[in-house]
Amino acid sequence: MKKIWLAVLPALLLFSFLPHRMEPLPLGAPIPRPDLKMKDISGKEVSLNEARQKNGLLVMFSCNTCPYVIKNQSRTREVCSLAAEKGIGVTLLNSNEANRDGDDSFDAMKTYAADQSYNWYYLVDKNSVLADAFGANRTPECFLFNNEGKLVYHGAIDDNAGDAAAVSRKHLAQAMIELTESKEITVKQSRSVGCTIKRL
């Protein structure tokens, strides 16, 4: 028995240091913590309920530092602009609490958003409270809610995070179009590819 325990112990130790993957919010679930106030880059305190528009809400977990976020900024701007056109509120949440004294600080967020011409809320998810409530694991990772505040799409912006030229389906954009046309969402879930959220 002692030999078995000694053989298993290294694997258990290794597992304890791996990033913990949280279970994401299930489809049909309501917006978590909708009235929690978070600091926007404007300095205002904003809740998800306040950001929500007549046709729903897009919540995207993002940051300043992930190579996938940086590489895909043109796609982020495109899909967030489409959401605004469709009457869907937009919030980007920076949940990288472990980097809050560095490149994901509030001041760095303001600079990054200005450089990227953000025209929507970019909020500090203090202590990763919303990331935990959503079960978000990656940046970028997207959650789309309908006008009743129910989750109708969760996942990636499109089907090729590594190569914009090779994208064959824009999952999030298509889900927003179907949502606002009162159609069934064809693809409700997809796999997010990106960096792990840096929790404390």
N, C-alpha and C. Protein backbone atom coordinates (compact mmCIF):
# COMPACT_ATOMS: atom_id res chain seq x y z
N MET A 1 0.83 -1.21 0.00
CA MET A 1 0.00 0.00 0.00
C MET A 1 0.86 1.25 0.00
N LYS A 2 1.95 1.20 0.78
CA LYS A 2 2.85 2.36 0.86
C LYS A 2 3.46 2.67 -0.50
N LYS A 3 3.83 1.60 -1.25
CA LYS A 3 4.41 1.79 -2.58
C LYS A 3 3.41 2.43 -3.54
N ILE A 4 2.18 2.01 -3.45
CA ILE A 4 1.14 2.58 -4.31
C ILE A 4 0.97 4.06 -4.01
N TRP A 5 0.93 4.41 -2.72
CA TRP A 5 0.77 5.81 -2.32
C TRP A 5 1.94 6.66 -2.82
N LEU A 6 3.15 6.14 -2.71
CA LEU A 6 4.33 6.87 -3.18
C LEU A 6 4.31 7.06 -4.69
N ALA A 7 3.70 6.12 -5.40
CA ALA A 7 3.61 6.24 -6.86
C ALA A 7 2.54 7.26 -7.26
N VAL A 8 1.46 7.34 -6.49
CA VAL A 8 0.35 8.23 -6.81
C VAL A 8 0.62 9.67 -6.37
N LEU A 9 1.38 9.85 -5.30
CA LEU A 9 1.61 11.17 -4.72
C LEU A 9 2.14 12.21 -5.72
N PRO A 10 3.15 11.89 -6.55
CA PRO A 10 3.64 12.91 -7.50
C PRO A 10 2.56 13.39 -8.47
N ALA A 11 1.71 12.48 -8.91
CA ALA A 11 0.63 12.86 -9.83
C ALA A 11 -0.36 13.79 -9.14
N LEU A 12 -0.68 13.50 -7.88
CA LEU A 12 -1.59 14.36 -7.13
C LEU A 12 -1.00 15.75 -6.93
N LEU A 13 0.28 15.81 -6.63
CA LEU A 13 0.94 17.10 -6.45
C LEU A 13 0.94 17.90 -7.75
N LEU A 14 1.21 17.23 -8.87
CA LEU A 14 1.21 17.91 -10.16
C LEU A 14 -0.17 18.45 -10.47
N PHE A 15 -1.21 17.65 -10.23
CA PHE A 15 -2.58 18.07 -10.50
C PHE A 15 -2.97 19.30 -9.68
N SER A 16 -2.46 19.37 -8.44
CA SER A 16 -2.82 20.49 -7.56
C SER A 16 -2.29 21.81 -8.06
N PHE A 17 -1.24 21.78 -8.92
CA PHE A 17 -0.67 23.01 -9.44
C PHE A 17 -1.20 23.39 -10.82
N LEU A 18 -2.02 22.53 -11.41
CA LEU A 18 -2.59 22.84 -12.71
C LEU A 18 -3.71 23.87 -12.56
N PRO A 19 -3.93 24.73 -13.57
CA PRO A 19 -5.03 25.69 -13.48
C PRO A 19 -6.36 24.98 -13.31
N HIS A 20 -7.17 25.46 -12.38
CA HIS A 20 -8.47 24.84 -12.12
C HIS A 20 -9.48 25.30 -13.16
N ARG A 21 -10.05 24.35 -13.89
CA ARG A 21 -11.05 24.69 -14.89
C ARG A 21 -12.42 24.66 -14.24
N MET A 22 -13.10 25.79 -14.29
CA MET A 22 -14.43 25.89 -13.70
C MET A 22 -15.48 25.49 -14.72
N GLU A 23 -16.59 24.98 -14.23
CA GLU A 23 -17.69 24.61 -15.11
C GLU A 23 -18.42 25.88 -15.54
N PRO A 24 -18.58 26.09 -16.85
CA PRO A 24 -19.22 27.33 -17.31
C PRO A 24 -20.73 27.32 -17.07
N LEU A 25 -21.27 28.50 -17.08
CA LEU A 25 -22.71 28.72 -16.95
C LEU A 25 -23.45 27.89 -17.99
N PRO A 26 -24.50 27.18 -17.60
CA PRO A 26 -25.24 26.38 -18.58
C PRO A 26 -26.15 27.25 -19.45
N LEU A 27 -26.43 26.79 -20.64
CA LEU A 27 -27.38 27.48 -21.52
C LEU A 27 -28.73 27.61 -20.82
N GLY A 28 -29.35 28.77 -21.03
CA GLY A 28 -30.65 29.03 -20.40
C GLY A 28 -30.55 29.67 -19.03
N ALA A 29 -29.34 29.72 -18.48
CA ALA A 29 -29.15 30.30 -17.14
C ALA A 29 -29.31 31.82 -17.19
N PRO A 30 -29.75 32.43 -16.09
CA PRO A 30 -29.85 33.89 -16.05
C PRO A 30 -28.48 34.54 -15.87
N ILE A 31 -28.39 35.84 -16.13
CA ILE A 31 -27.15 36.59 -15.94
C ILE A 31 -26.73 36.50 -14.48
N PRO A 32 -25.53 36.03 -14.19
CA PRO A 32 -25.09 35.96 -12.80
C PRO A 32 -24.74 37.35 -12.24
N ARG A 33 -25.00 37.55 -10.98
CA ARG A 33 -24.64 38.78 -10.27
C ARG A 33 -24.97 40.03 -11.09
N PRO A 34 -26.21 40.15 -11.58
CA PRO A 34 -26.54 41.22 -12.54
C PRO A 34 -26.46 42.63 -11.97
N ASP A 35 -26.55 42.76 -10.64
CA ASP A 35 -26.55 44.09 -10.03
C ASP A 35 -25.23 44.45 -9.36
N LEU A 36 -24.23 43.60 -9.51
CA LEU A 36 -22.91 43.89 -8.94
C LEU A 36 -22.27 45.05 -9.69
N LYS A 37 -21.87 46.09 -8.97
CA LYS A 37 -21.25 47.26 -9.59
C LYS A 37 -19.76 47.00 -9.80
N MET A 38 -19.28 47.35 -11.00
CA MET A 38 -17.87 47.21 -11.34
C MET A 38 -17.36 48.52 -11.93
N LYS A 39 -16.08 48.77 -11.76
CA LYS A 39 -15.50 50.02 -12.23
C LYS A 39 -15.19 49.96 -13.72
N ASP A 40 -15.79 50.89 -14.45
CA ASP A 40 -15.53 51.01 -15.89
C ASP A 40 -14.32 51.92 -16.11
N ILE A 41 -13.72 51.83 -17.30
CA ILE A 41 -12.57 52.69 -17.61
C ILE A 41 -12.92 54.17 -17.58
N SER A 42 -14.21 54.49 -17.66
CA SER A 42 -14.66 55.88 -17.56
C SER A 42 -14.61 56.39 -16.13
N GLY A 43 -14.47 55.46 -15.17
CA GLY A 43 -14.52 55.81 -13.76
C GLY A 43 -15.87 55.55 -13.14
N LYS A 44 -16.90 55.32 -13.97
CA LYS A 44 -18.24 55.03 -13.48
C LYS A 44 -18.33 53.61 -12.93
N GLU A 45 -19.25 53.40 -12.00
CA GLU A 45 -19.57 52.06 -11.50
C GLU A 45 -20.77 51.55 -12.29
N VAL A 46 -20.63 50.40 -12.91
CA VAL A 46 -21.65 49.88 -13.82
C VAL A 46 -21.95 48.42 -13.49
N SER A 47 -23.22 48.05 -13.55
CA SER A 47 -23.63 46.65 -13.38
C SER A 47 -24.00 46.06 -14.74
N LEU A 48 -24.06 44.74 -14.81
CA LEU A 48 -24.46 44.09 -16.06
C LEU A 48 -25.90 44.45 -16.42
N ASN A 49 -26.76 44.58 -15.42
CA ASN A 49 -28.14 44.99 -15.70
C ASN A 49 -28.21 46.36 -16.34
N GLU A 50 -27.34 47.26 -15.91
CA GLU A 50 -27.31 48.61 -16.48
C GLU A 50 -26.75 48.61 -17.90
N ALA A 51 -25.85 47.67 -18.18
CA ALA A 51 -25.26 47.57 -19.52
C ALA A 51 -26.19 46.89 -20.51
N ARG A 52 -27.11 46.11 -20.02
CA ARG A 52 -28.04 45.36 -20.87
C ARG A 52 -28.91 46.30 -21.70
N GLN A 53 -29.15 45.93 -22.96
CA GLN A 53 -29.98 46.73 -23.86
C GLN A 53 -31.25 45.96 -24.22
N LYS A 54 -32.07 46.52 -25.07
CA LYS A 54 -33.40 45.95 -25.34
C LYS A 54 -33.36 44.54 -25.90
N ASN A 55 -32.28 44.20 -26.65
CA ASN A 55 -32.20 42.87 -27.26
C ASN A 55 -31.24 41.93 -26.55
N GLY A 56 -30.69 42.35 -25.42
CA GLY A 56 -29.84 41.44 -24.67
C GLY A 56 -28.53 42.03 -24.23
N LEU A 57 -27.59 41.14 -23.96
CA LEU A 57 -26.29 41.55 -23.41
C LEU A 57 -25.20 40.59 -23.87
N LEU A 58 -24.09 41.16 -24.32
CA LEU A 58 -22.89 40.38 -24.62
C LEU A 58 -21.87 40.65 -23.52
N VAL A 59 -21.42 39.58 -22.87
CA VAL A 59 -20.35 39.67 -21.87
C VAL A 59 -19.15 38.92 -22.43
N MET A 60 -18.04 39.64 -22.58
CA MET A 60 -16.81 39.02 -23.08
C MET A 60 -15.71 39.16 -22.03
N PHE A 61 -15.16 38.05 -21.61
CA PHE A 61 -14.01 38.08 -20.70
C PHE A 61 -12.77 38.34 -21.53
N SER A 62 -12.05 39.40 -21.18
CA SER A 62 -10.93 39.84 -21.99
C SER A 62 -9.82 40.38 -21.08
N CYS A 63 -8.82 41.01 -21.67
CA CYS A 63 -7.71 41.57 -20.90
C CYS A 63 -6.85 42.41 -21.84
N ASN A 64 -5.72 42.87 -21.34
CA ASN A 64 -4.79 43.65 -22.15
C ASN A 64 -3.62 42.82 -22.67
N THR A 65 -3.43 41.64 -22.10
CA THR A 65 -2.14 40.96 -22.22
C THR A 65 -2.13 39.65 -23.00
N CYS A 66 -3.27 38.99 -23.11
CA CYS A 66 -3.30 37.68 -23.78
C CYS A 66 -3.00 37.83 -25.27
N PRO A 67 -2.05 37.07 -25.80
CA PRO A 67 -1.73 37.16 -27.23
C PRO A 67 -2.94 36.91 -28.14
N TYR A 68 -3.85 36.04 -27.71
CA TYR A 68 -5.04 35.78 -28.52
C TYR A 68 -5.96 36.99 -28.54
N VAL A 69 -6.11 37.67 -27.41
CA VAL A 69 -6.92 38.89 -27.36
C VAL A 69 -6.30 39.95 -28.26
N ILE A 70 -5.01 40.15 -28.11
CA ILE A 70 -4.30 41.18 -28.89
C ILE A 70 -4.40 40.89 -30.38
N LYS A 71 -4.16 39.64 -30.74
CA LYS A 71 -4.18 39.25 -32.16
C LYS A 71 -5.56 39.42 -32.78
N ASN A 72 -6.59 39.25 -31.96
CA ASN A 72 -7.96 39.24 -32.48
C ASN A 72 -8.73 40.54 -32.23
N GLN A 73 -8.03 41.64 -31.96
CA GLN A 73 -8.71 42.88 -31.63
C GLN A 73 -9.64 43.37 -32.74
N SER A 74 -9.26 43.18 -33.99
CA SER A 74 -10.14 43.63 -35.08
C SER A 74 -11.45 42.84 -35.04
N ARG A 75 -11.38 41.58 -34.69
CA ARG A 75 -12.60 40.76 -34.59
C ARG A 75 -13.44 41.17 -33.38
N THR A 76 -12.77 41.51 -32.28
CA THR A 76 -13.49 41.99 -31.10
C THR A 76 -14.24 43.28 -31.43
N ARG A 77 -13.55 44.21 -32.07
CA ARG A 77 -14.21 45.48 -32.43
C ARG A 77 -15.39 45.24 -33.36
N GLU A 78 -15.20 44.34 -34.32
CA GLU A 78 -16.26 44.06 -35.30
C GLU A 78 -17.50 43.48 -34.63
N VAL A 79 -17.30 42.50 -33.75
CA VAL A 79 -18.45 41.83 -33.16
C VAL A 79 -19.13 42.71 -32.10
N CYS A 80 -18.34 43.51 -31.38
CA CYS A 80 -18.93 44.42 -30.39
C CYS A 80 -19.70 45.54 -31.07
N SER A 81 -19.20 46.01 -32.20
CA SER A 81 -19.92 47.03 -32.96
C SER A 81 -21.22 46.46 -33.51
N LEU A 82 -21.19 45.22 -33.97
CA LEU A 82 -22.41 44.57 -34.46
C LEU A 82 -23.43 44.45 -33.33
N ALA A 83 -22.98 44.08 -32.14
CA ALA A 83 -23.88 43.97 -31.00
C ALA A 83 -24.57 45.30 -30.73
N ALA A 84 -23.79 46.37 -30.74
CA ALA A 84 -24.37 47.70 -30.50
C ALA A 84 -25.40 48.06 -31.57
N GLU A 85 -25.11 47.71 -32.82
CA GLU A 85 -26.05 47.97 -33.92
C GLU A 85 -27.35 47.18 -33.74
N LYS A 86 -27.23 46.01 -33.13
CA LYS A 86 -28.39 45.12 -32.97
C LYS A 86 -29.15 45.36 -31.66
N GLY A 87 -28.77 46.40 -30.92
CA GLY A 87 -29.46 46.67 -29.66
C GLY A 87 -29.10 45.72 -28.55
N ILE A 88 -27.88 45.21 -28.60
CA ILE A 88 -27.37 44.30 -27.57
C ILE A 88 -26.29 45.04 -26.79
N GLY A 89 -26.42 45.11 -25.48
CA GLY A 89 -25.42 45.76 -24.66
C GLY A 89 -24.10 45.01 -24.70
N VAL A 90 -23.00 45.73 -24.48
CA VAL A 90 -21.66 45.13 -24.56
C VAL A 90 -20.87 45.45 -23.31
N THR A 91 -20.31 44.42 -22.70
CA THR A 91 -19.37 44.61 -21.59
C THR A 91 -18.18 43.69 -21.79
N LEU A 92 -16.99 44.24 -21.70
CA LEU A 92 -15.78 43.45 -21.63
C LEU A 92 -15.32 43.46 -20.18
N LEU A 93 -15.02 42.29 -19.64
CA LEU A 93 -14.61 42.17 -18.24
C LEU A 93 -13.15 41.72 -18.16
N ASN A 94 -12.36 42.45 -17.40
CA ASN A 94 -10.97 42.06 -17.16
C ASN A 94 -10.92 41.43 -15.78
N SER A 95 -10.76 40.10 -15.75
CA SER A 95 -10.78 39.34 -14.50
C SER A 95 -9.39 38.91 -14.05
N ASN A 96 -8.35 39.41 -14.70
CA ASN A 96 -6.97 39.00 -14.37
C ASN A 96 -6.48 39.66 -13.09
N GLU A 97 -7.08 39.27 -11.97
CA GLU A 97 -6.78 39.90 -10.69
C GLU A 97 -5.32 39.71 -10.28
N ALA A 98 -4.72 38.60 -10.68
CA ALA A 98 -3.32 38.35 -10.33
C ALA A 98 -2.36 39.30 -11.05
N ASN A 99 -2.83 39.96 -12.11
CA ASN A 99 -1.99 40.91 -12.87
C ASN A 99 -2.41 42.35 -12.63
N ARG A 100 -3.20 42.60 -11.57
CA ARG A 100 -3.78 43.93 -11.39
C ARG A 100 -2.74 45.00 -11.05
N ASP A 101 -1.59 44.59 -10.57
CA ASP A 101 -0.52 45.55 -10.29
C ASP A 101 0.43 45.72 -11.48
N GLY A 102 0.11 45.04 -12.58
CA GLY A 102 0.98 45.10 -13.76
C GLY A 102 0.24 45.55 -14.99
N ASP A 103 0.34 44.75 -16.06
CA ASP A 103 -0.20 45.15 -17.36
C ASP A 103 -1.71 45.04 -17.47
N ASP A 104 -2.37 44.50 -16.45
CA ASP A 104 -3.84 44.49 -16.43
C ASP A 104 -4.37 45.40 -15.32
N SER A 105 -3.61 46.42 -14.99
CA SER A 105 -4.06 47.42 -14.01
C SER A 105 -5.16 48.28 -14.62
N PHE A 106 -5.84 49.04 -13.78
CA PHE A 106 -6.91 49.92 -14.26
C PHE A 106 -6.36 50.96 -15.23
N ASP A 107 -5.23 51.56 -14.90
CA ASP A 107 -4.63 52.56 -15.80
C ASP A 107 -4.23 51.93 -17.13
N ALA A 108 -3.70 50.71 -17.09
CA ALA A 108 -3.32 50.02 -18.32
C ALA A 108 -4.55 49.69 -19.16
N MET A 109 -5.65 49.36 -18.49
CA MET A 109 -6.90 49.10 -19.21
C MET A 109 -7.38 50.34 -19.94
N LYS A 110 -7.29 51.49 -19.29
CA LYS A 110 -7.72 52.75 -19.93
C LYS A 110 -6.88 53.03 -21.17
N THR A 111 -5.58 52.84 -21.06
CA THR A 111 -4.69 53.09 -22.19
C THR A 111 -4.97 52.11 -23.33
N TYR A 112 -5.12 50.85 -22.98
CA TYR A 112 -5.37 49.81 -23.98
C TYR A 112 -6.69 50.07 -24.72
N ALA A 113 -7.73 50.41 -23.96
CA ALA A 113 -9.05 50.66 -24.56
C ALA A 113 -9.00 51.86 -25.50
N ALA A 114 -8.26 52.89 -25.10
CA ALA A 114 -8.12 54.08 -25.97
C ALA A 114 -7.38 53.72 -27.25
N ASP A 115 -6.34 52.92 -27.12
CA ASP A 115 -5.56 52.51 -28.30
C ASP A 115 -6.41 51.68 -29.26
N GLN A 116 -7.35 50.91 -28.72
CA GLN A 116 -8.19 50.02 -29.53
C GLN A 116 -9.53 50.66 -29.91
N SER A 117 -9.73 51.92 -29.53
CA SER A 117 -10.97 52.64 -29.85
C SER A 117 -12.21 51.93 -29.32
N TYR A 118 -12.12 51.42 -28.10
CA TYR A 118 -13.29 50.80 -27.48
C TYR A 118 -14.40 51.83 -27.32
N ASN A 119 -15.61 51.43 -27.66
CA ASN A 119 -16.77 52.29 -27.53
C ASN A 119 -17.85 51.58 -26.71
N TRP A 120 -17.40 50.82 -25.71
CA TRP A 120 -18.29 50.04 -24.87
C TRP A 120 -17.64 49.91 -23.50
N TYR A 121 -18.36 49.34 -22.56
CA TYR A 121 -17.84 49.19 -21.20
C TYR A 121 -16.67 48.21 -21.17
N TYR A 122 -15.64 48.59 -20.43
CA TYR A 122 -14.50 47.71 -20.14
C TYR A 122 -14.33 47.77 -18.63
N LEU A 123 -14.74 46.71 -17.94
CA LEU A 123 -14.92 46.73 -16.50
C LEU A 123 -13.87 45.89 -15.76
N VAL A 124 -13.53 46.35 -14.57
CA VAL A 124 -12.64 45.60 -13.69
C VAL A 124 -13.47 44.59 -12.90
N ASP A 125 -13.20 43.31 -13.13
CA ASP A 125 -13.85 42.24 -12.37
C ASP A 125 -12.97 41.96 -11.15
N LYS A 126 -13.19 42.75 -10.10
CA LYS A 126 -12.35 42.67 -8.91
C LYS A 126 -12.44 41.30 -8.26
N ASN A 127 -11.27 40.73 -7.98
CA ASN A 127 -11.16 39.40 -7.36
C ASN A 127 -11.80 38.30 -8.21
N SER A 128 -11.98 38.57 -9.50
CA SER A 128 -12.52 37.58 -10.46
C SER A 128 -13.90 37.07 -10.04
N VAL A 129 -14.67 37.92 -9.38
CA VAL A 129 -15.98 37.51 -8.86
C VAL A 129 -16.91 37.09 -10.00
N LEU A 130 -16.96 37.88 -11.07
CA LEU A 130 -17.84 37.53 -12.19
C LEU A 130 -17.31 36.33 -12.97
N ALA A 131 -16.00 36.26 -13.13
CA ALA A 131 -15.41 35.09 -13.81
C ALA A 131 -15.80 33.81 -13.08
N ASP A 132 -15.76 33.85 -11.76
CA ASP A 132 -16.16 32.68 -10.98
C ASP A 132 -17.65 32.39 -11.13
N ALA A 133 -18.46 33.44 -11.11
CA ALA A 133 -19.92 33.26 -11.22
C ALA A 133 -20.31 32.71 -12.59
N PHE A 134 -19.59 33.11 -13.63
CA PHE A 134 -19.85 32.65 -14.99
C PHE A 134 -19.19 31.30 -15.28
N GLY A 135 -18.20 30.94 -14.47
CA GLY A 135 -17.39 29.76 -14.79
C GLY A 135 -16.52 30.02 -16.00
N ALA A 136 -16.09 31.28 -16.18
CA ALA A 136 -15.24 31.64 -17.32
C ALA A 136 -13.81 31.19 -17.06
N ASN A 137 -13.16 30.69 -18.09
CA ASN A 137 -11.81 30.16 -17.96
C ASN A 137 -10.79 30.84 -18.87
N ARG A 138 -11.25 31.48 -19.95
CA ARG A 138 -10.33 31.95 -20.99
C ARG A 138 -10.54 33.42 -21.34
N THR A 139 -9.55 33.97 -22.00
CA THR A 139 -9.69 35.26 -22.67
C THR A 139 -9.22 35.07 -24.11
N PRO A 140 -10.08 35.42 -25.08
CA PRO A 140 -11.47 35.86 -24.93
C PRO A 140 -12.43 34.69 -24.76
N GLU A 141 -13.49 34.93 -24.02
CA GLU A 141 -14.57 33.95 -23.85
C GLU A 141 -15.88 34.74 -23.78
N CYS A 142 -16.86 34.31 -24.57
CA CYS A 142 -18.06 35.13 -24.79
C CYS A 142 -19.33 34.45 -24.26
N PHE A 143 -20.20 35.28 -23.67
CA PHE A 143 -21.50 34.83 -23.17
C PHE A 143 -22.56 35.80 -23.71
N LEU A 144 -23.51 35.29 -24.47
CA LEU A 144 -24.56 36.11 -25.07
C LEU A 144 -25.89 35.78 -24.41
N PHE A 145 -26.57 36.84 -23.91
CA PHE A 145 -27.86 36.69 -23.25
C PHE A 145 -28.96 37.36 -24.07
N ASN A 146 -30.14 36.78 -24.04
CA ASN A 146 -31.26 37.36 -24.79
C ASN A 146 -31.94 38.48 -24.00
N ASN A 147 -33.06 38.97 -24.51
CA ASN A 147 -33.73 40.10 -23.87
C ASN A 147 -34.40 39.73 -22.55
N GLU A 148 -34.46 38.45 -22.24
CA GLU A 148 -34.97 38.00 -20.95
C GLU A 148 -33.83 37.73 -19.97
N GLY A 149 -32.59 37.98 -20.42
CA GLY A 149 -31.44 37.74 -19.56
C GLY A 149 -31.05 36.28 -19.44
N LYS A 150 -31.40 35.47 -20.44
CA LYS A 150 -31.07 34.04 -20.44
C LYS A 150 -29.91 33.77 -21.42
N LEU A 151 -29.00 32.89 -21.02
CA LEU A 151 -27.84 32.58 -21.85
C LEU A 151 -28.25 31.78 -23.09
N VAL A 152 -27.89 32.29 -24.28
CA VAL A 152 -28.25 31.61 -25.52
C VAL A 152 -27.02 31.19 -26.33
N TYR A 153 -25.87 31.75 -26.01
CA TYR A 153 -24.64 31.34 -26.70
C TYR A 153 -23.46 31.51 -25.75
N HIS A 154 -22.54 30.53 -25.79
CA HIS A 154 -21.32 30.60 -25.00
C HIS A 154 -20.17 30.03 -25.81
N GLY A 155 -19.07 30.78 -25.87
CA GLY A 155 -17.90 30.24 -26.55
C GLY A 155 -17.03 31.28 -27.21
N ALA A 156 -16.56 30.94 -28.40
CA ALA A 156 -15.59 31.76 -29.12
C ALA A 156 -16.27 32.76 -30.04
N ILE A 157 -15.48 33.72 -30.51
CA ILE A 157 -15.98 34.70 -31.48
C ILE A 157 -16.26 34.00 -32.81
N ASP A 158 -15.33 33.13 -33.22
CA ASP A 158 -15.49 32.40 -34.48
C ASP A 158 -14.77 31.07 -34.39
N ASP A 159 -14.60 30.40 -35.51
CA ASP A 159 -14.08 29.03 -35.47
C ASP A 159 -12.58 28.91 -35.75
N ASN A 160 -11.85 30.03 -35.75
CA ASN A 160 -10.41 29.94 -35.96
C ASN A 160 -9.70 31.10 -35.27
N ALA A 161 -9.40 30.92 -33.98
CA ALA A 161 -8.75 31.99 -33.21
C ALA A 161 -7.35 32.29 -33.71
N GLY A 162 -6.71 31.30 -34.33
CA GLY A 162 -5.32 31.48 -34.74
C GLY A 162 -5.13 32.16 -36.08
N ASP A 163 -6.16 32.15 -36.93
CA ASP A 163 -5.98 32.67 -38.29
C ASP A 163 -7.28 33.28 -38.81
N ALA A 164 -7.35 34.60 -38.80
CA ALA A 164 -8.57 35.29 -39.23
C ALA A 164 -8.93 34.97 -40.68
N ALA A 165 -7.90 34.77 -41.51
CA ALA A 165 -8.14 34.49 -42.92
C ALA A 165 -8.77 33.11 -43.14
N ALA A 166 -8.64 32.24 -42.14
CA ALA A 166 -9.15 30.87 -42.28
C ALA A 166 -10.50 30.67 -41.59
N VAL A 167 -11.11 31.73 -41.10
CA VAL A 167 -12.40 31.61 -40.42
C VAL A 167 -13.47 31.18 -41.43
N SER A 168 -14.22 30.14 -41.09
CA SER A 168 -15.30 29.69 -41.96
C SER A 168 -16.67 30.00 -41.37
N ARG A 169 -16.72 30.26 -40.04
CA ARG A 169 -18.01 30.60 -39.43
C ARG A 169 -17.80 31.56 -38.27
N LYS A 170 -18.54 32.65 -38.28
CA LYS A 170 -18.49 33.64 -37.20
C LYS A 170 -19.61 33.32 -36.21
N HIS A 171 -19.27 32.45 -35.25
CA HIS A 171 -20.30 31.91 -34.35
C HIS A 171 -21.06 33.01 -33.60
N LEU A 172 -20.34 33.94 -32.99
CA LEU A 172 -20.98 34.95 -32.15
C LEU A 172 -21.82 35.91 -32.98
N ALA A 173 -21.28 36.37 -34.08
CA ALA A 173 -22.03 37.28 -34.95
C ALA A 173 -23.31 36.61 -35.45
N GLN A 174 -23.20 35.35 -35.87
CA GLN A 174 -24.38 34.64 -36.36
C GLN A 174 -25.41 34.45 -35.26
N ALA A 175 -24.94 34.17 -34.04
CA ALA A 175 -25.86 34.00 -32.92
C ALA A 175 -26.61 35.30 -32.63
N MET A 176 -25.92 36.43 -32.74
CA MET A 176 -26.57 37.73 -32.50
C MET A 176 -27.60 38.04 -33.58
N ILE A 177 -27.26 37.72 -34.82
CA ILE A 177 -28.20 37.94 -35.92
C ILE A 177 -29.46 37.09 -35.73
N GLU A 178 -29.25 35.82 -35.42
CA GLU A 178 -30.39 34.91 -35.20
C GLU A 178 -31.21 35.36 -33.99
N LEU A 179 -30.54 35.80 -32.94
CA LEU A 179 -31.24 36.25 -31.75
C LEU A 179 -32.17 37.43 -32.06
N THR A 180 -31.64 38.40 -32.76
CA THR A 180 -32.44 39.62 -33.04
C THR A 180 -33.47 39.41 -34.14
N GLU A 181 -33.37 38.30 -34.84
CA GLU A 181 -34.39 37.95 -35.85
C GLU A 181 -35.37 36.91 -35.31
N SER A 182 -35.28 36.67 -34.00
CA SER A 182 -36.17 35.72 -33.31
C SER A 182 -36.09 34.31 -33.90
N LYS A 183 -34.88 33.94 -34.30
CA LYS A 183 -34.65 32.59 -34.84
C LYS A 183 -33.94 31.73 -33.79
N GLU A 184 -34.02 30.44 -33.97
CA GLU A 184 -33.27 29.52 -33.12
C GLU A 184 -31.78 29.72 -33.35
N ILE A 185 -31.00 29.74 -32.26
CA ILE A 185 -29.55 29.86 -32.39
C ILE A 185 -29.01 28.54 -32.93
N THR A 186 -28.38 28.60 -34.10
CA THR A 186 -27.92 27.38 -34.78
C THR A 186 -26.80 26.70 -34.00
N VAL A 187 -25.78 27.48 -33.65
CA VAL A 187 -24.66 26.96 -32.85
C VAL A 187 -24.71 27.68 -31.50
N LYS A 188 -25.01 26.93 -30.45
CA LYS A 188 -25.19 27.53 -29.13
C LYS A 188 -23.92 27.52 -28.29
N GLN A 189 -23.01 26.63 -28.62
CA GLN A 189 -21.76 26.54 -27.86
C GLN A 189 -20.59 26.24 -28.79
N SER A 190 -19.45 26.80 -28.45
CA SER A 190 -18.22 26.49 -29.18
C SER A 190 -17.07 26.56 -28.19
N ARG A 191 -15.91 26.12 -28.63
CA ARG A 191 -14.75 26.05 -27.74
C ARG A 191 -13.96 27.35 -27.79
N SER A 192 -13.80 27.98 -26.64
CA SER A 192 -12.97 29.19 -26.55
C SER A 192 -11.50 28.80 -26.55
N VAL A 193 -10.72 29.53 -27.34
CA VAL A 193 -9.27 29.32 -27.39
C VAL A 193 -8.61 30.62 -26.94
N GLY A 194 -7.73 30.53 -25.95
CA GLY A 194 -7.07 31.73 -25.46
C GLY A 194 -6.27 31.45 -24.22
N CYS A 195 -6.00 32.50 -23.47
CA CYS A 195 -5.19 32.39 -22.25
C CYS A 195 -6.08 32.14 -21.04
N THR A 196 -5.55 31.46 -20.04
CA THR A 196 -6.32 31.24 -18.82
C THR A 196 -6.48 32.56 -18.07
N ILE A 197 -7.61 32.73 -17.43
CA ILE A 197 -7.84 33.90 -16.57
C ILE A 197 -6.92 33.79 -15.37
N LYS A 198 -6.24 34.90 -15.06
CA LYS A 198 -5.23 34.89 -14.00
C LYS A 198 -5.87 35.29 -12.66
N ARG A 199 -6.46 34.28 -12.01
CA ARG A 199 -7.06 34.50 -10.69
C ARG A 199 -5.97 34.53 -9.62
N LEU A 200 -6.29 35.12 -8.49
CA LEU A 200 -5.36 35.12 -7.36
C LEU A 200 -5.25 33.75 -6.75
